[in-house]
């Protein structure tokens, strides 16, 4: 397994291609060899391929435009392949998951796209928040329903450790439950500050990452992508660095 930087953490420094280029260099200088492209400016796929190569980086996963995924799946895969990325991700259910109709629209709208992405040689990845741990009218969790609605070869899950725990789940247990469908996961710690849950540097909160890493290894996870949506005024690059060093101390490079 390899650690990586989810660039959503440093999205404030990715607003144009010059800034994105500098951010990729900074992330590589920390020691990361893998990134996820999310929350960044528009970029030409060939330009991205050169930038990644220049910095000794690979792109494991994206959070891509949901409309393009749905309406142009083959073109989406073609563009991803230009910069060597085989995992086409979506950051959430478009519009969020507020009611059963949102769930039904997602399944009906993306089922065919997921099949076509697989046929084109890539893999569609769904990133959870806490909403997927609500129970539907039939008593099942929405994440369970998603896992059944899409075949394992059609859609994987970018399980986010923080949001699983925030939703009342056990991150390690869910990695185990979705074994074989979690090639990429988000490592995000949860701390309690002023009686409130907060996102934290990996290893500086309360999530049991020893168990998470053990289950991820067994589940076939390849990429452990560090993400911290909110750094609460701290330098996000410094937060990424501390997460990198803490993971290195756990035996992950």
C-alpha atoms as a PDB file:
ATOM      1  CA  UNK A   1       0.000   0.000   0.000  1.00  0.00           C
ATOM      2  CA  UNK A   2       1.140   3.524  -0.791  1.00  0.00           C
ATOM      3  CA  UNK A   3       0.255   6.755   0.930  1.00  0.00           C
ATOM      4  CA  UNK A   4      -0.929   9.656  -1.172  1.00  0.00           C
ATOM      5  CA  UNK A   5      -2.117  13.232  -0.861  1.00  0.00           C
ATOM      6  CA  UNK A   6      -5.744  14.054  -1.630  1.00  0.00           C
ATOM      7  CA  UNK A   7      -5.350  17.517  -3.173  1.00  0.00           C
ATOM      8  CA  UNK A   8      -8.743  18.616  -1.870  1.00  0.00           C
ATOM      9  CA  UNK A   9      -6.788  19.275   1.334  1.00  0.00           C
ATOM     10  CA  UNK A  10      -4.861  22.031  -0.456  1.00  0.00           C
ATOM     11  CA  UNK A  11      -7.600  23.106  -2.876  1.00  0.00           C
ATOM     12  CA  UNK A  12      -7.044  26.777  -1.961  1.00  0.00           C
ATOM     13  CA  UNK A  13      -3.643  26.459  -3.671  1.00  0.00           C
ATOM     14  CA  UNK A  14      -4.923  24.809  -6.856  1.00  0.00           C
ATOM     15  CA  UNK A  15      -7.011  27.581  -8.378  1.00  0.00           C
ATOM     16  CA  UNK A  16      -5.094  27.838 -11.660  1.00  0.00           C
ATOM     17  CA  UNK A  17      -2.537  25.735 -13.482  1.00  0.00           C
ATOM     18  CA  UNK A  18       0.460  27.717 -12.217  1.00  0.00           C
ATOM     19  CA  UNK A  19      -0.691  27.261  -8.625  1.00  0.00           C
ATOM     20  CA  UNK A  20      -1.519  23.600  -9.234  1.00  0.00           C
ATOM     21  CA  UNK A  21       1.937  23.022 -10.700  1.00  0.00           C
ATOM     22  CA  UNK A  22       3.553  24.532  -7.597  1.00  0.00           C
ATOM     23  CA  UNK A  23       1.287  22.494  -5.320  1.00  0.00           C
ATOM     24  CA  UNK A  24       2.250  19.238  -7.025  1.00  0.00           C
ATOM     25  CA  UNK A  25       5.905  20.119  -6.431  1.00  0.00           C
ATOM     26  CA  UNK A  26       5.274  20.912  -2.754  1.00  0.00           C
ATOM     27  CA  UNK A  27       3.439  17.625  -2.246  1.00  0.00           C
ATOM     28  CA  UNK A  28       6.271  15.713  -3.914  1.00  0.00           C
ATOM     29  CA  UNK A  29       8.815  17.558  -1.755  1.00  0.00           C
ATOM     30  CA  UNK A  30       7.018  16.305   1.359  1.00  0.00           C
ATOM     31  CA  UNK A  31       7.700  12.766   0.127  1.00  0.00           C
ATOM     32  CA  UNK A  32       4.397  11.707  -1.390  1.00  0.00           C
ATOM     33  CA  UNK A  33       4.600   9.784  -4.649  1.00  0.00           C
ATOM     34  CA  UNK A  34       0.842   9.560  -5.192  1.00  0.00           C
ATOM     35  CA  UNK A  35      -1.940  12.118  -5.450  1.00  0.00           C
ATOM     36  CA  UNK A  36      -5.671  12.298  -5.953  1.00  0.00           C
ATOM     37  CA  UNK A  37      -6.939  15.108  -8.160  1.00  0.00           C
ATOM     38  CA  UNK A  38      -9.930  16.690  -6.482  1.00  0.00           C
ATOM     39  CA  UNK A  39     -10.957  20.278  -5.907  1.00  0.00           C
ATOM     40  CA  UNK A  40      -8.406  21.532  -8.430  1.00  0.00           C
ATOM     41  CA  UNK A  41      -8.735  23.827 -11.445  1.00  0.00           C
ATOM     42  CA  UNK A  42      -9.510  22.586 -14.930  1.00  0.00           C
ATOM     43  CA  UNK A  43      -6.467  21.004 -16.565  1.00  0.00           C
ATOM     44  CA  UNK A  44      -5.500  19.496 -19.884  1.00  0.00           C
ATOM     45  CA  UNK A  45      -4.883  15.742 -19.480  1.00  0.00           C
ATOM     46  CA  UNK A  46      -1.606  15.883 -21.441  1.00  0.00           C
ATOM     47  CA  UNK A  47      -0.418  18.816 -19.318  1.00  0.00           C
ATOM     48  CA  UNK A  48      -1.241  16.848 -16.183  1.00  0.00           C
ATOM     49  CA  UNK A  49       0.714  13.852 -17.473  1.00  0.00           C
ATOM     50  CA  UNK A  50       3.804  16.034 -17.871  1.00  0.00           C
ATOM     51  CA  UNK A  51       3.390  17.675 -14.463  1.00  0.00           C
ATOM     52  CA  UNK A  52       3.064  14.328 -12.723  1.00  0.00           C
ATOM     53  CA  UNK A  53       6.101  12.940 -14.530  1.00  0.00           C
ATOM     54  CA  UNK A  54       8.154  16.048 -13.736  1.00  0.00           C
ATOM     55  CA  UNK A  55       7.471  15.623 -10.020  1.00  0.00           C
ATOM     56  CA  UNK A  56       7.799  11.846  -9.829  1.00  0.00           C
ATOM     57  CA  UNK A  57       4.115  11.462  -8.999  1.00  0.00           C
ATOM     58  CA  UNK A  58       1.308   9.204 -10.086  1.00  0.00           C
ATOM     59  CA  UNK A  59      -2.401  10.017  -9.935  1.00  0.00           C
ATOM     60  CA  UNK A  60      -4.262   7.158  -8.309  1.00  0.00           C
ATOM     61  CA  UNK A  61      -7.773   8.579  -8.399  1.00  0.00           C
ATOM     62  CA  UNK A  62      -9.851  11.615  -9.294  1.00  0.00           C
ATOM     63  CA  UNK A  63     -13.051  13.221  -8.168  1.00  0.00           C
ATOM     64  CA  UNK A  64     -14.350  14.084 -11.589  1.00  0.00           C
ATOM     65  CA  UNK A  65     -17.243  16.001 -13.061  1.00  0.00           C
ATOM     66  CA  UNK A  66     -20.311  13.852 -12.400  1.00  0.00           C
ATOM     67  CA  UNK A  67     -22.103  15.027 -15.514  1.00  0.00           C
ATOM     68  CA  UNK A  68     -19.148  14.088 -17.725  1.00  0.00           C
ATOM     69  CA  UNK A  69     -18.933  10.695 -16.063  1.00  0.00           C
ATOM     70  CA  UNK A  70     -22.616  10.098 -16.740  1.00  0.00           C
ATOM     71  CA  UNK A  71     -22.801  11.447 -20.295  1.00  0.00           C
ATOM     72  CA  UNK A  72     -19.268  10.810 -21.629  1.00  0.00           C
ATOM     73  CA  UNK A  73     -17.898   7.761 -19.833  1.00  0.00           C
ATOM     74  CA  UNK A  74     -15.595   6.614 -22.644  1.00  0.00           C
ATOM     75  CA  UNK A  75     -14.145  10.114 -23.125  1.00  0.00           C
ATOM     76  CA  UNK A  76     -13.694  10.371 -19.371  1.00  0.00           C
ATOM     77  CA  UNK A  77     -11.685   7.141 -19.320  1.00  0.00           C
ATOM     78  CA  UNK A  78      -9.670   8.235 -22.351  1.00  0.00           C
ATOM     79  CA  UNK A  79      -8.702  11.485 -20.624  1.00  0.00           C
ATOM     80  CA  UNK A  80      -7.798   9.667 -17.397  1.00  0.00           C
ATOM     81  CA  UNK A  81      -5.579   7.232 -19.269  1.00  0.00           C
ATOM     82  CA  UNK A  82      -3.576  10.154 -20.691  1.00  0.00           C
ATOM     83  CA  UNK A  83      -2.216  10.825 -17.205  1.00  0.00           C
ATOM     84  CA  UNK A  84      -2.155   7.200 -16.107  1.00  0.00           C
ATOM     85  CA  UNK A  85      -5.163   7.160 -13.815  1.00  0.00           C
ATOM     86  CA  UNK A  86      -7.351   4.054 -13.717  1.00  0.00           C
ATOM     87  CA  UNK A  87      -9.796   5.072 -10.989  1.00  0.00           C
ATOM     88  CA  UNK A  88     -12.558   7.505 -11.960  1.00  0.00           C
ATOM     89  CA  UNK A  89     -14.106   8.923  -8.836  1.00  0.00           C
ATOM     90  CA  UNK A  90     -17.167  10.871  -7.821  1.00  0.00           C
ATOM     91  CA  UNK A  91     -17.028  12.882  -4.611  1.00  0.00           C
ATOM     92  CA  UNK A  92     -20.621  12.340  -3.542  1.00  0.00           C
ATOM     93  CA  UNK A  93     -24.091  11.657  -4.795  1.00  0.00           C
ATOM     94  CA  UNK A  94     -24.858  14.713  -6.980  1.00  0.00           C
ATOM     95  CA  UNK A  95     -26.941  17.111  -4.895  1.00  0.00           C
ATOM     96  CA  UNK A  96     -26.428  14.988  -1.801  1.00  0.00           C
ATOM     97  CA  UNK A  97     -28.496  12.188  -0.316  1.00  0.00           C
ATOM     98  CA  UNK A  98     -31.565  13.763   1.244  1.00  0.00           C
ATOM     99  CA  UNK A  99     -34.335  11.332   0.392  1.00  0.00           C
ATOM    100  CA  UNK A 100     -34.962   8.025  -1.418  1.00  0.00           C
ATOM    101  CA  UNK A 101     -35.467   9.832  -4.715  1.00  0.00           C
ATOM    102  CA  UNK A 102     -31.861  11.092  -4.611  1.00  0.00           C
ATOM    103  CA  UNK A 103     -30.654   7.521  -4.193  1.00  0.00           C
ATOM    104  CA  UNK A 104     -32.871   6.241  -7.006  1.00  0.00           C
ATOM    105  CA  UNK A 105     -31.706   9.019  -9.347  1.00  0.00           C
ATOM    106  CA  UNK A 106     -28.070   8.202  -8.666  1.00  0.00           C
ATOM    107  CA  UNK A 107     -28.471   4.493  -9.328  1.00  0.00           C
ATOM    108  CA  UNK A 108     -30.519   4.973 -12.496  1.00  0.00           C
ATOM    109  CA  UNK A 109     -28.261   7.781 -13.722  1.00  0.00           C
ATOM    110  CA  UNK A 110     -24.883   6.142 -13.128  1.00  0.00           C
ATOM    111  CA  UNK A 111     -25.433   2.407 -13.478  1.00  0.00           C
ATOM    112  CA  UNK A 112     -24.894   2.412 -17.245  1.00  0.00           C
ATOM    113  CA  UNK A 113     -21.946   4.811 -16.998  1.00  0.00           C
ATOM    114  CA  UNK A 114     -20.268   2.538 -14.451  1.00  0.00           C
ATOM    115  CA  UNK A 115     -20.622  -0.423 -16.822  1.00  0.00           C
ATOM    116  CA  UNK A 116     -19.194   1.552 -19.718  1.00  0.00           C
ATOM    117  CA  UNK A 117     -16.280   2.823 -17.635  1.00  0.00           C
ATOM    118  CA  UNK A 118     -15.423  -0.767 -16.715  1.00  0.00           C
ATOM    119  CA  UNK A 119     -15.697  -1.840 -20.349  1.00  0.00           C
ATOM    120  CA  UNK A 120     -13.295   0.966 -21.310  1.00  0.00           C
ATOM    121  CA  UNK A 121     -10.698  -0.304 -18.868  1.00  0.00           C
ATOM    122  CA  UNK A 122     -11.139   1.861 -15.768  1.00  0.00           C
ATOM    123  CA  UNK A 123     -13.063   1.590 -12.489  1.00  0.00           C
ATOM    124  CA  UNK A 124     -15.793   3.881 -11.146  1.00  0.00           C
ATOM    125  CA  UNK A 125     -15.301   4.854  -7.485  1.00  0.00           C
ATOM    126  CA  UNK A 126     -17.883   6.266  -5.067  1.00  0.00           C
ATOM    127  CA  UNK A 127     -16.770   8.381  -2.099  1.00  0.00           C
ATOM    128  CA  UNK A 128     -18.974   8.222   0.988  1.00  0.00           C
ATOM    129  CA  UNK A 129     -19.864  10.818   3.563  1.00  0.00           C
ATOM    130  CA  UNK A 130     -21.950  10.176   6.688  1.00  0.00           C
ATOM    131  CA  UNK A 131     -25.247  10.312   4.778  1.00  0.00           C
ATOM    132  CA  UNK A 132     -24.786   6.820   3.351  1.00  0.00           C
ATOM    133  CA  UNK A 133     -25.040   5.468   6.908  1.00  0.00           C
ATOM    134  CA  UNK A 134     -28.661   6.552   7.225  1.00  0.00           C
ATOM    135  CA  UNK A 135     -31.223   3.787   7.097  1.00  0.00           C
ATOM    136  CA  UNK A 136     -33.649   3.629   4.200  1.00  0.00           C
ATOM    137  CA  UNK A 137     -37.326   2.764   4.570  1.00  0.00           C
ATOM    138  CA  UNK A 138     -36.488  -0.934   4.222  1.00  0.00           C
ATOM    139  CA  UNK A 139     -34.209  -0.730   7.272  1.00  0.00           C
ATOM    140  CA  UNK A 140     -30.975  -1.108   5.341  1.00  0.00           C
ATOM    141  CA  UNK A 141     -28.121   1.371   5.254  1.00  0.00           C
ATOM    142  CA  UNK A 142     -27.816   3.275   2.014  1.00  0.00           C
ATOM    143  CA  UNK A 143     -24.197   2.152   1.661  1.00  0.00           C
ATOM    144  CA  UNK A 144     -25.416  -1.456   1.748  1.00  0.00           C
ATOM    145  CA  UNK A 145     -27.992  -0.682  -0.905  1.00  0.00           C
ATOM    146  CA  UNK A 146     -25.339   0.947  -3.100  1.00  0.00           C
ATOM    147  CA  UNK A 147     -23.091  -2.082  -2.764  1.00  0.00           C
ATOM    148  CA  UNK A 148     -25.932  -4.289  -3.994  1.00  0.00           C
ATOM    149  CA  UNK A 149     -27.179  -1.933  -6.723  1.00  0.00           C
ATOM    150  CA  UNK A 150     -23.789  -1.927  -8.468  1.00  0.00           C
ATOM    151  CA  UNK A 151     -21.845  -5.103  -9.118  1.00  0.00           C
ATOM    152  CA  UNK A 152     -18.331  -5.237  -7.606  1.00  0.00           C
ATOM    153  CA  UNK A 153     -16.803  -4.973 -11.077  1.00  0.00           C
ATOM    154  CA  UNK A 154     -18.903  -1.878 -11.821  1.00  0.00           C
ATOM    155  CA  UNK A 155     -18.231   0.300  -8.784  1.00  0.00           C
ATOM    156  CA  UNK A 156     -15.786   0.496  -5.914  1.00  0.00           C
ATOM    157  CA  UNK A 157     -15.868   2.592  -2.762  1.00  0.00           C
ATOM    158  CA  UNK A 158     -13.399   5.243  -1.686  1.00  0.00           C
ATOM    159  CA  UNK A 159     -14.190   4.696   1.962  1.00  0.00           C
ATOM    160  CA  UNK A 160     -13.463   7.764   4.071  1.00  0.00           C
ATOM    161  CA  UNK A 161     -12.462   6.795   7.604  1.00  0.00           C
ATOM    162  CA  UNK A 162     -13.672  10.036   9.187  1.00  0.00           C
ATOM    163  CA  UNK A 163     -17.090  10.027   7.556  1.00  0.00           C
ATOM    164  CA  UNK A 164     -17.667   6.341   8.307  1.00  0.00           C
ATOM    165  CA  UNK A 165     -16.972   6.996  11.979  1.00  0.00           C
ATOM    166  CA  UNK A 166     -19.006  10.223  11.944  1.00  0.00           C
ATOM    167  CA  UNK A 167     -21.941   8.227  10.565  1.00  0.00           C
ATOM    168  CA  UNK A 168     -21.681   5.751  13.419  1.00  0.00           C
ATOM    169  CA  UNK A 169     -19.785   3.032  11.592  1.00  0.00           C
ATOM    170  CA  UNK A 170     -16.493   1.279  12.267  1.00  0.00           C
ATOM    171  CA  UNK A 171     -14.033   2.210   9.464  1.00  0.00           C
ATOM    172  CA  UNK A 172     -12.035  -1.004   9.727  1.00  0.00           C
ATOM    173  CA  UNK A 173     -15.188  -3.120   9.736  1.00  0.00           C
ATOM    174  CA  UNK A 174     -16.506  -1.417   6.614  1.00  0.00           C
ATOM    175  CA  UNK A 175     -13.214  -1.850   4.789  1.00  0.00           C
ATOM    176  CA  UNK A 176     -13.509  -5.545   5.598  1.00  0.00           C
ATOM    177  CA  UNK A 177     -17.153  -5.692   4.487  1.00  0.00           C
ATOM    178  CA  UNK A 178     -16.280  -4.130   1.139  1.00  0.00           C
ATOM    179  CA  UNK A 179     -13.131  -6.180   0.628  1.00  0.00           C
ATOM    180  CA  UNK A 180     -12.093  -6.273  -3.021  1.00  0.00           C
ATOM    181  CA  UNK A 181     -13.951  -3.027  -3.744  1.00  0.00           C
ATOM    182  CA  UNK A 182     -11.706  -0.583  -1.866  1.00  0.00           C
ATOM    183  CA  UNK A 183      -8.540  -0.112  -3.962  1.00  0.00           C
ATOM    184  CA  UNK A 184      -8.395   3.491  -2.715  1.00  0.00           C
ATOM    185  CA  UNK A 185      -9.454   4.770   0.695  1.00  0.00           C
ATOM    186  CA  UNK A 186      -9.324   8.165   2.382  1.00  0.00           C
ATOM    187  CA  UNK A 187      -7.381   8.401   5.616  1.00  0.00           C
ATOM    188  CA  UNK A 188      -8.784  11.207   7.723  1.00  0.00           C
ATOM    189  CA  UNK A 189      -8.571  11.207  11.495  1.00  0.00           C
ATOM    190  CA  UNK A 190     -11.217  12.344  13.967  1.00  0.00           C
ATOM    191  CA  UNK A 191     -10.364  14.222  17.141  1.00  0.00           C
ATOM    192  CA  UNK A 192     -12.596  15.669  19.863  1.00  0.00           C
ATOM    193  CA  UNK A 193     -11.894  19.382  20.412  1.00  0.00           C
ATOM    194  CA  UNK A 194     -14.032  21.601  22.624  1.00  0.00           C
ATOM    195  CA  UNK A 195     -16.551  18.749  22.848  1.00  0.00           C
ATOM    196  CA  UNK A 196     -16.954  18.675  19.061  1.00  0.00           C
ATOM    197  CA  UNK A 197     -15.699  16.188  16.443  1.00  0.00           C
ATOM    198  CA  UNK A 198     -12.948  17.599  14.245  1.00  0.00           C
ATOM    199  CA  UNK A 199     -10.995  16.375  11.254  1.00  0.00           C
ATOM    200  CA  UNK A 200      -7.405  15.785  12.270  1.00  0.00           C
ATOM    201  CA  UNK A 201      -3.969  14.867  10.992  1.00  0.00           C
ATOM    202  CA  UNK A 202      -3.688  11.092  10.573  1.00  0.00           C
ATOM    203  CA  UNK A 203      -2.393   9.683  13.848  1.00  0.00           C
ATOM    204  CA  UNK A 204      -3.363  12.727  15.914  1.00  0.00           C
ATOM    205  CA  UNK A 205      -7.004  11.786  16.504  1.00  0.00           C
ATOM    206  CA  UNK A 206      -8.859   8.785  17.852  1.00  0.00           C
ATOM    207  CA  UNK A 207      -9.404   6.475  14.871  1.00  0.00           C
ATOM    208  CA  UNK A 208      -7.713   3.108  15.297  1.00  0.00           C
ATOM    209  CA  UNK A 209      -5.429   3.246  12.253  1.00  0.00           C
ATOM    210  CA  UNK A 210      -3.519   0.098  13.191  1.00  0.00           C
ATOM    211  CA  UNK A 211      -6.731  -1.832  12.634  1.00  0.00           C
ATOM    212  CA  UNK A 212      -7.698   0.235   9.564  1.00  0.00           C
ATOM    213  CA  UNK A 213      -4.359  -0.520   7.910  1.00  0.00           C
ATOM    214  CA  UNK A 214      -4.563  -4.202   8.801  1.00  0.00           C
ATOM    215  CA  UNK A 215      -8.016  -4.540   7.239  1.00  0.00           C
ATOM    216  CA  UNK A 216      -7.052  -2.416   4.225  1.00  0.00           C
ATOM    217  CA  UNK A 217      -4.105  -4.681   3.473  1.00  0.00           C
ATOM    218  CA  UNK A 218      -6.351  -7.745   3.656  1.00  0.00           C
ATOM    219  CA  UNK A 219      -9.026  -6.049   1.509  1.00  0.00           C
ATOM    220  CA  UNK A 220      -6.636  -5.367  -1.364  1.00  0.00           C
ATOM    221  CA  UNK A 221      -6.320  -1.612  -0.869  1.00  0.00           C
ATOM    222  CA  UNK A 222      -3.538  -0.084  -2.954  1.00  0.00           C
ATOM    223  CA  UNK A 223      -3.697   3.624  -2.139  1.00  0.00           C
ATOM    224  CA  UNK A 224      -4.139   5.349   1.231  1.00  0.00           C
ATOM    225  CA  UNK A 225      -5.040   8.915   0.371  1.00  0.00           C
ATOM    226  CA  UNK A 226      -4.623  11.488   3.127  1.00  0.00           C
ATOM    227  CA  UNK A 227      -7.386  14.068   3.232  1.00  0.00           C
ATOM    228  CA  UNK A 228      -8.197  16.841   5.684  1.00  0.00           C
ATOM    229  CA  UNK A 229     -11.050  18.998   4.428  1.00  0.00           C
ATOM    230  CA  UNK A 230     -10.584  21.523   7.234  1.00  0.00           C
ATOM    231  CA  UNK A 231      -7.248  22.272   8.866  1.00  0.00           C
ATOM    232  CA  UNK A 232      -8.753  24.849  11.249  1.00  0.00           C
ATOM    233  CA  UNK A 233      -6.294  27.588  10.445  1.00  0.00           C
ATOM    234  CA  UNK A 234      -3.179  25.407  10.242  1.00  0.00           C
ATOM    235  CA  UNK A 235      -1.092  25.268   7.078  1.00  0.00           C
ATOM    236  CA  UNK A 236      -2.630  22.397   5.068  1.00  0.00           C
ATOM    237  CA  UNK A 237       0.766  21.468   3.628  1.00  0.00           C
ATOM    238  CA  UNK A 238       2.102  21.113   7.172  1.00  0.00           C
ATOM    239  CA  UNK A 239      -0.885  18.923   8.024  1.00  0.00           C
ATOM    240  CA  UNK A 240      -0.187  16.739   4.978  1.00  0.00           C
ATOM    241  CA  UNK A 241       3.445  16.498   6.054  1.00  0.00           C
ATOM    242  CA  UNK A 242       2.600  15.396   9.597  1.00  0.00           C
ATOM    243  CA  UNK A 243       0.181  12.782   8.240  1.00  0.00           C
ATOM    244  CA  UNK A 244       2.886  11.543   5.867  1.00  0.00           C
ATOM    245  CA  UNK A 245       5.443  11.228   8.670  1.00  0.00           C
ATOM    246  CA  UNK A 246       2.953   9.539  11.016  1.00  0.00           C
ATOM    247  CA  UNK A 247       2.044   7.015   8.321  1.00  0.00           C
ATOM    248  CA  UNK A 248       5.716   6.420   7.637  1.00  0.00           C
ATOM    249  CA  UNK A 249       6.158   5.611  11.320  1.00  0.00           C
ATOM    250  CA  UNK A 250       3.344   3.070  10.892  1.00  0.00           C
ATOM    251  CA  UNK A 251       5.269   1.443   8.036  1.00  0.00           C
ATOM    252  CA  UNK A 252       3.473   3.121   5.134  1.00  0.00           C
ATOM    253  CA  UNK A 253       5.432   5.081   2.517  1.00  0.00           C
END
